[in-house]
Amino acid sequence: ESVIQFDEGFNVITGESGSGKSLILKAIRFCLGQKVNKSFVGHWGTQAVVRMELQGDWPKDLLPELKSDSGRYIIHRVLREKSSQCF
């Protein structure tokens, strides 16, 4: 499990070629509902799991169907070879 915390304001992701910068962006887009190629699952398993925790009021602008009394949102999406689920 990897955790990335973005702070308010400007954030930068840097790294060498092949270190996973684009994969981070793909994972965020996947968690927010974008369709992905089944190759996203990879060669080492049968599923890909992405979990995002969002705080504040701005997630409602992206996903108006989200409900929260605390301003904390957790999105958990699972991609399998033949299906996808979002929680």
Protein backbone atom coordinates (compact mmCIF):
# COMPACT_ATOMS: atom_id res chain seq x y z
CA GLU A 1 0.00 0.00 0.00
CA SER A 2 1.28 3.45 -0.92
CA VAL A 3 0.03 6.72 0.51
CA ILE A 4 0.40 10.10 -1.18
CA GLN A 5 -0.76 13.20 0.62
CA PHE A 6 -1.38 16.32 -1.42
CA ASP A 7 -1.37 19.56 0.53
CA GLU A 8 -3.38 22.67 -0.24
CA GLY A 9 -1.86 24.72 -3.02
CA PHE A 10 0.72 23.61 -5.58
CA ASN A 11 1.99 20.00 -5.51
CA VAL A 12 4.64 18.45 -7.75
CA ILE A 13 5.32 14.79 -8.56
CA THR A 14 8.85 14.17 -9.82
CA GLY A 15 10.86 11.07 -10.60
CA GLU A 16 12.90 9.25 -13.18
CA SER A 17 11.37 7.75 -16.31
CA GLY A 18 9.45 4.60 -15.43
CA SER A 19 9.10 5.46 -11.74
CA GLY A 20 5.26 5.55 -11.80
CA LYS A 21 4.28 9.23 -12.14
CA SER A 22 1.76 8.52 -14.91
CA LEU A 23 0.43 5.50 -13.01
CA ILE A 24 -0.48 7.78 -10.09
CA LEU A 25 -2.54 9.98 -12.42
CA LYS A 26 -4.19 6.93 -14.02
CA ALA A 27 -5.10 5.60 -10.56
CA ILE A 28 -6.69 8.92 -9.57
CA ARG A 29 -8.68 9.10 -12.82
CA PHE A 30 -9.73 5.44 -12.41
CA CYS A 31 -10.94 6.09 -8.87
CA LEU A 32 -12.97 9.07 -10.10
CA GLY A 33 -14.75 6.87 -12.65
CA GLN A 34 -12.72 6.94 -15.85
CA LYS A 35 -12.66 3.71 -17.83
CA VAL A 36 -9.26 2.05 -17.98
CA ASN A 37 -7.73 -0.69 -20.06
CA LYS A 38 -7.78 -4.12 -18.41
CA SER A 39 -3.96 -4.05 -18.57
CA PHE A 40 -4.22 -1.68 -15.57
CA VAL A 41 -4.58 -4.86 -13.48
CA GLY A 42 -1.01 -5.81 -14.37
CA HIS A 43 0.91 -9.03 -14.67
CA TRP A 44 1.10 -9.91 -10.97
CA GLY A 45 -2.50 -10.31 -9.89
CA THR A 46 -6.14 -10.65 -10.83
CA GLN A 47 -7.37 -7.23 -9.68
CA ALA A 48 -6.36 -3.62 -9.12
CA VAL A 49 -7.62 -1.72 -6.07
CA VAL A 50 -7.47 2.05 -5.67
CA ARG A 51 -8.67 3.86 -2.54
CA MET A 52 -8.77 7.63 -2.24
CA GLU A 53 -9.63 9.74 0.77
CA LEU A 54 -10.75 13.29 -0.03
CA GLN A 55 -11.44 16.07 2.44
CA GLY A 56 -13.24 19.37 2.16
CA ASP A 57 -16.20 20.55 0.12
CA TRP A 58 -14.58 20.44 -3.35
CA PRO A 59 -15.19 16.69 -4.01
CA LYS A 60 -18.91 17.47 -4.34
CA ASP A 61 -18.05 19.57 -7.41
CA LEU A 62 -16.43 16.52 -9.06
CA LEU A 63 -18.93 13.93 -7.87
CA PRO A 64 -22.22 15.56 -6.79
CA GLU A 65 -23.68 12.20 -5.74
CA LEU A 66 -21.23 11.98 -2.82
CA LYS A 67 -22.72 12.53 0.62
CA SER A 68 -20.80 13.40 3.80
CA ASP A 69 -21.63 15.13 7.05
CA SER A 70 -17.96 15.37 8.05
CA GLY A 71 -16.47 16.61 4.76
CA ARG A 72 -14.48 13.37 4.44
CA TYR A 73 -15.00 11.13 1.41
CA ILE A 74 -13.52 7.69 0.77
CA ILE A 75 -13.72 6.26 -2.75
CA HIS A 76 -12.69 2.63 -3.19
CA ARG A 77 -12.69 1.09 -6.66
CA VAL A 78 -11.82 -2.46 -7.66
CA LEU A 79 -11.05 -3.54 -11.23
CA ARG A 80 -11.11 -7.22 -12.08
CA GLU A 81 -10.54 -8.85 -15.44
CA LYS A 82 -14.26 -8.79 -16.29
CA SER A 83 -15.83 -6.27 -13.92
CA SER A 84 -15.42 -3.10 -11.91
CA GLN A 85 -16.94 -2.02 -8.59
CA CYS A 86 -16.94 1.35 -6.87
CA PHE A 87 -17.70 1.96 -3.20
